Amino acid sequence: MSQDRVYAALAKCPGEYLSGEELSRELGITRAAVWKAVEALRHQGYAIEARTGRGYCLVETQEKLERREITSYLGQDRPNWQVCGEVDSTNSLCKRLAMEGAPDGTAVIADCQSAGRGRRGRSFQSPAGMGIYFSILWRPEVPPQDLMSLPALGAVAACRAVEEVCGVCPEIKWPNDLVLHGKKLGGILTEMAMESESGLVEYVVLGIGINVCQHREDFEGEVADMASSLETELGEKVSRPRLAAALLHQMDALRREALCSPEKWLAEYRRCCLTLGAQVQLIAGERRSTAVALDVDETYGLVVRRSDGTVDTVRSGEVSVRGLYGYVPEKE
């Protein structure tokens, strides 16, 4: 589509002018087609200046989380992905698409979720214009136990994407919270369905929510004391379309490299995991106990030494890290 191609060319050098002749030659369309595309983009709300003798210039404004902007950062075409203004949740939409036969690698990106979900049935605040809400569908045809490490792998991929765009790598609170400067940036939710006859995974959906533009007053309830955003922590603007494109790249890398070979990313996960070496509180139902986190094993379970000296591996339940999110253990 000419509009997308003209936008991509202008977006490569925002604030600079490109002549109609340059655009026509680069894109292989007529100058009249360039003019029509520019006019259409203006009607859609894009600020494009035109000056005689200089050409067209995309005025630097807050980028929209739309397919056109994300495509300008992808560098190459990628099939089977869509961008939505508002959905109930990207995971729920991905599951509906899976039931309709959507192929492996189908991805959904949303500007807003009306019913965003986190782990253990918690809601995930997903206001418009402030974050990235992303889910991807895979059909790996493996036993479900082979995907137990997927939430941790998703956290590594998300950290890679943030570092690619922002130049700083978040930490990971076991198993998959993204943390920067002691504040939660986002989280991950995985859901899967199995084939009844084979016992193999029919599909798995990995969902990621990342806070990008929020200020403290944008968070509601108890989340306000523990959450933050990339822009707040870094003190600078962050491009949501660029980060969405980086997430697509990194999720595709996860599929190729580590989905069925999780040990390949284990060293990277350990480097990012802030839980290691920390005193933690283990929460399983009504039971609470303290321990020290020693290691992450080959299947991404958390190896801990309990207060009685026994060493155990935690694979489920809640793990609070001393000094993070306001947790301070009681005096012994």
Protein backbone atom coordinates (compact mmCIF):
# COMPACT_ATOMS: atom_id res chain seq x y z
CA MET A 1 0.00 0.00 0.00
CA SER A 2 1.48 3.36 -1.07
CA GLN A 3 0.54 5.11 2.18
CA ASP A 4 2.48 2.60 4.27
CA ARG A 5 5.52 2.80 2.01
CA VAL A 6 5.56 6.60 1.96
CA TYR A 7 5.16 6.71 5.74
CA ALA A 8 8.01 4.22 6.21
CA ALA A 9 10.32 6.29 4.00
CA LEU A 10 9.52 9.52 5.85
CA ALA A 11 9.74 7.82 9.25
CA LYS A 12 13.34 6.78 8.56
CA CYS A 13 14.39 10.42 8.82
CA PRO A 14 11.81 12.37 10.88
CA GLY A 15 12.33 16.11 10.77
CA GLU A 16 14.13 15.92 7.41
CA TYR A 17 12.73 16.69 3.97
CA LEU A 18 12.49 14.20 1.11
CA SER A 19 11.50 15.44 -2.31
CA GLY A 20 8.63 13.95 -4.23
CA GLU A 21 11.15 12.90 -6.87
CA GLU A 22 13.28 11.05 -4.29
CA LEU A 23 10.26 9.26 -2.87
CA SER A 24 8.99 8.40 -6.35
CA ARG A 25 12.36 6.92 -7.34
CA GLU A 26 12.92 5.06 -4.06
CA LEU A 27 9.43 3.55 -3.92
CA GLY A 28 8.86 2.97 -7.62
CA ILE A 29 5.60 4.94 -7.76
CA THR A 30 4.62 8.13 -9.55
CA ARG A 31 4.96 11.57 -7.94
CA ALA A 32 1.17 11.86 -8.17
CA ALA A 33 0.88 8.65 -6.14
CA VAL A 34 3.31 10.10 -3.57
CA TRP A 35 1.15 13.24 -3.27
CA LYS A 36 -2.04 11.19 -2.87
CA ALA A 37 -0.41 9.04 -0.18
CA VAL A 38 0.76 12.11 1.72
CA GLU A 39 -2.71 13.63 1.61
CA ALA A 40 -4.25 10.38 2.85
CA LEU A 41 -1.76 10.24 5.73
CA ARG A 42 -2.58 13.83 6.67
CA HIS A 43 -6.29 12.98 6.80
CA GLN A 44 -5.41 10.14 9.19
CA GLY A 45 -3.78 12.59 11.57
CA TYR A 46 -0.11 12.49 10.61
CA ALA A 47 1.72 15.81 10.67
CA ILE A 48 3.51 16.03 7.31
CA GLU A 49 4.88 19.37 6.11
CA ALA A 50 5.40 20.18 2.44
CA ARG A 51 7.72 22.91 1.17
CA THR A 52 8.37 23.94 -2.41
CA GLY A 53 11.82 22.89 -3.50
CA ARG A 54 12.39 20.70 -0.43
CA GLY A 55 9.64 18.09 -0.44
CA TYR A 56 7.87 16.37 2.45
CA CYS A 57 8.80 16.11 6.13
CA LEU A 58 7.25 13.98 8.86
CA VAL A 59 7.06 16.22 11.91
CA GLU A 60 8.26 14.44 15.04
CA THR A 61 5.20 13.69 17.16
CA GLN A 62 4.17 11.00 19.63
CA GLU A 63 4.11 7.79 17.60
CA LYS A 64 0.92 5.78 17.50
CA LEU A 65 0.88 2.09 18.29
CA GLU A 66 -0.41 1.14 14.87
CA ARG A 67 0.65 -1.38 12.27
CA ARG A 68 2.14 1.25 9.97
CA GLU A 69 4.49 2.59 12.65
CA ILE A 70 5.51 -0.87 13.87
CA THR A 71 6.17 -2.01 10.30
CA SER A 72 8.57 0.89 9.79
CA TYR A 73 10.80 -0.65 12.50
CA LEU A 74 10.49 -4.31 11.50
CA GLY A 75 12.78 -4.01 8.51
CA GLN A 76 11.05 -6.85 6.67
CA ASP A 77 7.57 -8.18 6.20
CA ARG A 78 6.27 -10.65 8.78
CA PRO A 79 3.06 -12.64 8.21
CA ASN A 80 0.24 -13.27 10.66
CA TRP A 81 0.21 -10.36 13.06
CA GLN A 82 -2.30 -7.67 13.85
CA VAL A 83 -2.62 -4.48 15.86
CA CYS A 84 -5.82 -3.62 17.74
CA GLY A 85 -6.96 -0.43 19.38
CA GLU A 86 -8.77 -2.16 22.25
CA VAL A 87 -9.40 -5.81 23.07
CA ASP A 88 -10.62 -7.64 26.15
CA SER A 89 -7.17 -9.22 26.41
CA THR A 90 -4.59 -10.13 23.80
CA ASN A 91 -4.31 -13.64 25.26
CA SER A 92 -8.06 -14.16 24.97
CA LEU A 93 -8.03 -12.92 21.37
CA CYS A 94 -5.08 -15.19 20.53
CA LYS A 95 -6.94 -18.19 21.98
CA ARG A 96 -10.00 -17.37 19.89
CA LEU A 97 -7.79 -17.12 16.80
CA ALA A 98 -6.20 -20.47 17.70
CA MET A 99 -9.62 -22.12 17.81
CA GLU A 100 -10.31 -20.66 14.37
CA GLY A 101 -7.15 -22.30 13.01
CA ALA A 102 -4.63 -19.44 13.18
CA PRO A 103 -1.11 -20.68 12.32
CA ASP A 104 2.00 -20.96 14.46
CA GLY A 105 3.51 -17.53 15.09
CA THR A 106 0.29 -15.51 14.98
CA ALA A 107 0.77 -12.37 17.08
CA VAL A 108 -1.57 -9.72 18.51
CA ILE A 109 -0.55 -6.27 19.75
CA ALA A 110 -3.04 -3.95 21.46
CA ASP A 111 -3.03 -0.35 22.60
CA CYS A 112 -5.49 -1.09 25.38
CA GLN A 113 -7.06 -4.04 27.20
CA SER A 114 -10.46 -3.79 28.86
CA ALA A 115 -9.92 -7.04 30.80
CA GLY A 116 -6.17 -7.53 30.98
CA ARG A 117 -5.13 -10.56 33.00
CA GLY A 118 -2.04 -11.48 35.00
CA ARG A 119 -0.91 -14.56 36.87
CA ARG A 120 -3.23 -16.24 39.39
CA GLY A 121 -6.32 -14.49 38.06
CA ARG A 122 -5.12 -10.99 38.90
CA SER A 123 -6.12 -8.09 36.67
CA PHE A 124 -3.43 -6.28 34.68
CA GLN A 125 -3.98 -2.54 34.30
CA SER A 126 -3.83 -1.80 30.58
CA PRO A 127 -4.75 1.84 29.84
CA ALA A 128 -4.76 3.22 26.31
CA GLY A 129 -1.67 4.98 25.01
CA MET A 130 0.63 3.92 27.83
CA GLY A 131 1.84 0.36 27.40
CA ILE A 132 2.34 -2.55 25.07
CA TYR A 133 0.05 -5.55 25.39
CA PHE A 134 1.32 -8.42 23.28
CA SER A 135 0.47 -12.10 22.79
CA ILE A 136 1.83 -14.72 20.45
CA LEU A 137 0.45 -18.14 19.50
CA TRP A 138 2.59 -21.20 18.89
CA ARG A 139 1.78 -24.80 17.94
CA PRO A 140 4.91 -26.73 18.96
CA GLU A 141 3.36 -30.26 19.17
CA VAL A 142 5.26 -31.26 22.31
CA PRO A 143 4.19 -32.62 25.71
CA PRO A 144 3.06 -29.83 28.04
CA GLN A 145 5.93 -30.50 30.47
CA ASP A 146 8.35 -29.41 27.75
CA LEU A 147 6.95 -25.88 27.98
CA MET A 148 7.16 -25.40 31.75
CA SER A 149 10.05 -22.97 31.26
CA LEU A 150 8.20 -20.83 28.69
CA PRO A 151 7.25 -17.98 31.08
CA ALA A 152 10.91 -17.60 32.07
CA LEU A 153 12.02 -17.70 28.44
CA GLY A 154 9.44 -15.04 27.61
CA ALA A 155 10.96 -12.83 30.30
CA VAL A 156 14.40 -13.17 28.69
CA ALA A 157 12.98 -12.26 25.29
CA ALA A 158 11.21 -9.22 26.74
CA CYS A 159 14.41 -8.09 28.49
CA ARG A 160 16.26 -8.39 25.19
CA ALA A 161 13.65 -6.25 23.45
CA VAL A 162 13.80 -3.53 26.11
CA GLU A 163 17.60 -3.49 25.98
CA GLU A 164 17.55 -3.28 22.19
CA VAL A 165 15.33 -0.18 22.28
CA CYS A 166 16.35 1.52 25.56
CA GLY A 167 19.95 0.45 26.06
CA VAL A 168 19.23 -0.93 29.53
CA CYS A 169 18.36 -4.51 30.45
CA PRO A 170 15.66 -5.04 33.09
CA GLU A 171 16.06 -7.66 35.79
CA ILE A 172 13.79 -10.65 36.26
CA LYS A 173 12.09 -11.52 39.52
CA TRP A 174 11.57 -15.26 39.45
CA PRO A 175 9.79 -16.54 37.52
CA ASN A 176 8.89 -13.79 35.04
CA ASP A 177 8.32 -10.29 36.48
CA LEU A 178 10.22 -7.57 34.60
CA VAL A 179 11.85 -5.18 37.09
CA LEU A 180 13.80 -1.95 36.69
CA HIS A 181 15.23 0.04 39.61
CA GLY A 182 13.23 -2.10 42.02
CA LYS A 183 9.88 -1.40 40.32
CA LYS A 184 7.74 -3.77 38.28
CA LEU A 185 7.66 -2.96 34.55
CA GLY A 186 5.48 -5.81 33.41
CA GLY A 187 4.65 -9.46 33.55
CA ILE A 188 3.95 -12.56 31.54
CA LEU A 189 1.01 -14.95 31.30
CA THR A 190 1.10 -18.25 29.44
CA GLU A 191 -1.92 -20.40 28.62
CA MET A 192 -2.17 -23.63 26.67
CA ALA A 193 -4.58 -26.21 25.33
CA MET A 194 -3.87 -29.91 24.82
CA GLU A 195 -5.08 -32.42 22.27
CA SER A 196 -7.13 -35.04 24.08
CA GLU A 197 -5.98 -38.02 21.98
CA SER A 198 -2.25 -37.39 21.68
CA GLY A 199 -1.70 -35.56 24.95
CA LEU A 200 0.45 -33.05 23.06
CA VAL A 201 0.05 -29.30 23.16
CA GLU A 202 -2.51 -28.08 20.66
CA TYR A 203 -1.39 -24.48 21.12
CA VAL A 204 0.27 -22.23 23.66
CA VAL A 205 -0.21 -18.48 24.04
CA LEU A 206 2.46 -16.29 25.61
CA GLY A 207 1.25 -12.85 26.71
CA ILE A 208 3.42 -9.92 27.79
CA GLY A 209 2.42 -6.55 29.21
CA ILE A 210 5.03 -3.78 29.51
CA ASN A 211 4.46 -0.37 31.11
CA VAL A 212 5.99 2.27 28.83
CA CYS A 213 4.59 5.77 29.42
CA GLN A 214 2.81 5.68 32.79
CA HIS A 215 3.46 8.06 35.67
CA ARG A 216 2.84 7.09 39.28
CA GLU A 217 -0.63 8.64 39.29
CA ASP A 218 -1.63 6.43 36.36
CA PHE A 219 -1.49 3.28 38.50
CA GLU A 220 -4.45 2.38 40.69
CA GLY A 221 -4.66 0.65 44.06
CA GLU A 222 -1.80 -1.30 45.58
CA VAL A 223 -0.08 -1.49 42.19
CA ALA A 224 0.90 2.18 42.54
CA ASP A 225 3.51 1.34 45.19
CA MET A 226 5.19 -1.42 43.23
CA ALA A 227 4.86 -0.56 39.53
CA SER A 228 6.57 1.91 37.25
CA SER A 229 7.22 2.45 33.55
CA LEU A 230 10.19 2.67 31.22
CA GLU A 231 9.78 6.40 30.69
CA THR A 232 9.51 7.12 34.42
CA GLU A 233 12.59 5.06 35.28
CA LEU A 234 14.71 6.21 32.35
CA GLY A 235 13.60 9.85 32.29
CA GLU A 236 13.17 9.87 28.51
CA LYS A 237 10.65 9.05 25.81
CA VAL A 238 10.40 5.47 24.60
CA SER A 239 8.95 4.52 21.22
CA ARG A 240 6.13 2.02 21.69
CA PRO A 241 6.09 1.02 18.00
CA ARG A 242 9.84 0.37 18.07
CA LEU A 243 9.50 -1.69 21.25
CA ALA A 244 6.61 -3.66 19.74
CA ALA A 245 8.75 -4.44 16.69
CA ALA A 246 11.61 -5.54 18.95
CA LEU A 247 9.22 -7.83 20.83
CA LEU A 248 8.14 -9.45 17.57
CA HIS A 249 11.80 -10.00 16.62
CA GLN A 250 12.71 -11.46 20.00
CA MET A 251 9.66 -13.71 20.20
CA ASP A 252 10.52 -15.12 16.79
CA ALA A 253 14.07 -15.70 18.07
CA LEU A 254 12.64 -17.51 21.10
CA ARG A 255 10.63 -19.78 18.79
CA ARG A 256 13.69 -20.59 16.69
CA GLU A 257 16.30 -20.91 19.43
CA ALA A 258 14.85 -21.83 22.79
CA LEU A 259 11.19 -22.86 22.80
CA CYS A 260 12.10 -26.52 22.65
CA SER A 261 15.70 -26.09 23.88
CA PRO A 262 15.28 -23.90 26.98
CA GLU A 263 18.78 -24.63 28.26
CA LYS A 264 20.18 -22.38 25.51
CA TRP A 265 18.93 -19.27 27.33
CA LEU A 266 19.52 -20.46 30.89
CA ALA A 267 22.78 -18.59 31.47
CA GLU A 268 21.15 -15.37 30.25
CA TYR A 269 18.19 -15.90 32.56
CA ARG A 270 20.48 -16.46 35.53
CA ARG A 271 22.37 -13.23 34.76
CA CYS A 272 19.11 -11.27 34.75
CA CYS A 273 17.47 -12.95 37.75
CA LEU A 274 17.54 -10.59 40.75
CA THR A 275 16.09 -13.32 42.99
CA LEU A 276 19.36 -15.27 43.12
CA GLY A 277 21.27 -14.74 46.35
CA ALA A 278 18.36 -12.92 47.97
CA GLN A 279 16.35 -13.77 51.06
CA VAL A 280 12.87 -14.72 49.92
CA GLN A 281 9.48 -15.50 51.36
CA LEU A 282 7.79 -18.60 49.93
CA ILE A 283 4.01 -18.44 49.84
CA ALA A 284 1.94 -21.55 49.16
CA GLY A 285 -1.70 -21.02 50.05
CA GLU A 286 -1.80 -19.94 53.68
CA ARG A 287 1.71 -21.21 54.40
CA ARG A 288 4.65 -18.82 54.47
CA SER A 289 8.32 -19.58 55.05
CA THR A 290 11.65 -17.88 54.51
CA ALA A 291 14.58 -19.15 52.47
CA VAL A 292 17.59 -18.03 50.46
CA ALA A 293 17.51 -18.37 46.68
CA LEU A 294 20.55 -20.33 45.52
CA ASP A 295 20.14 -21.08 41.83
CA VAL A 296 17.81 -21.66 38.89
CA ASP A 297 17.91 -25.26 37.67
CA GLU A 298 17.83 -26.57 34.10
CA THR A 299 14.03 -26.38 33.95
CA TYR A 300 13.96 -22.89 35.50
CA GLY A 301 12.86 -24.03 38.94
CA LEU A 302 14.13 -21.91 41.86
CA VAL A 303 16.57 -23.76 44.11
CA VAL A 304 16.33 -22.50 47.70
CA ARG A 305 17.83 -23.23 51.09
CA ARG A 306 15.12 -23.19 53.73
CA SER A 307 15.61 -21.89 57.26
CA ASP A 308 16.16 -25.44 58.56
CA GLY A 309 19.04 -25.92 56.11
CA THR A 310 17.26 -28.19 53.65
CA VAL A 311 17.64 -27.49 49.94
CA ASP A 312 14.51 -27.61 47.82
CA THR A 313 13.31 -26.56 44.36
CA VAL A 314 10.27 -24.33 44.02
CA ARG A 315 8.23 -24.63 40.83
CA SER A 316 4.99 -22.90 41.75
CA GLY A 317 3.49 -20.52 44.28
CA GLU A 318 4.51 -16.97 45.13
CA VAL A 319 8.06 -15.90 45.92
CA SER A 320 8.60 -12.46 47.46
CA VAL A 321 12.08 -10.95 47.43
CA ARG A 322 13.21 -9.07 50.53
CA GLY A 323 13.25 -5.32 49.88
CA LEU A 324 11.33 -5.58 46.59
CA TYR A 325 7.75 -4.34 46.20
CA GLY A 326 7.76 -3.35 49.87
CA TYR A 327 8.37 -6.85 51.27
CA VAL A 328 10.39 -6.84 54.52
CA PRO A 329 10.43 -10.11 56.50
CA GLU A 330 9.52 -10.21 60.14
CA LYS A 331 12.36 -10.14 62.63
CA GLU A 332 13.48 -13.57 63.67
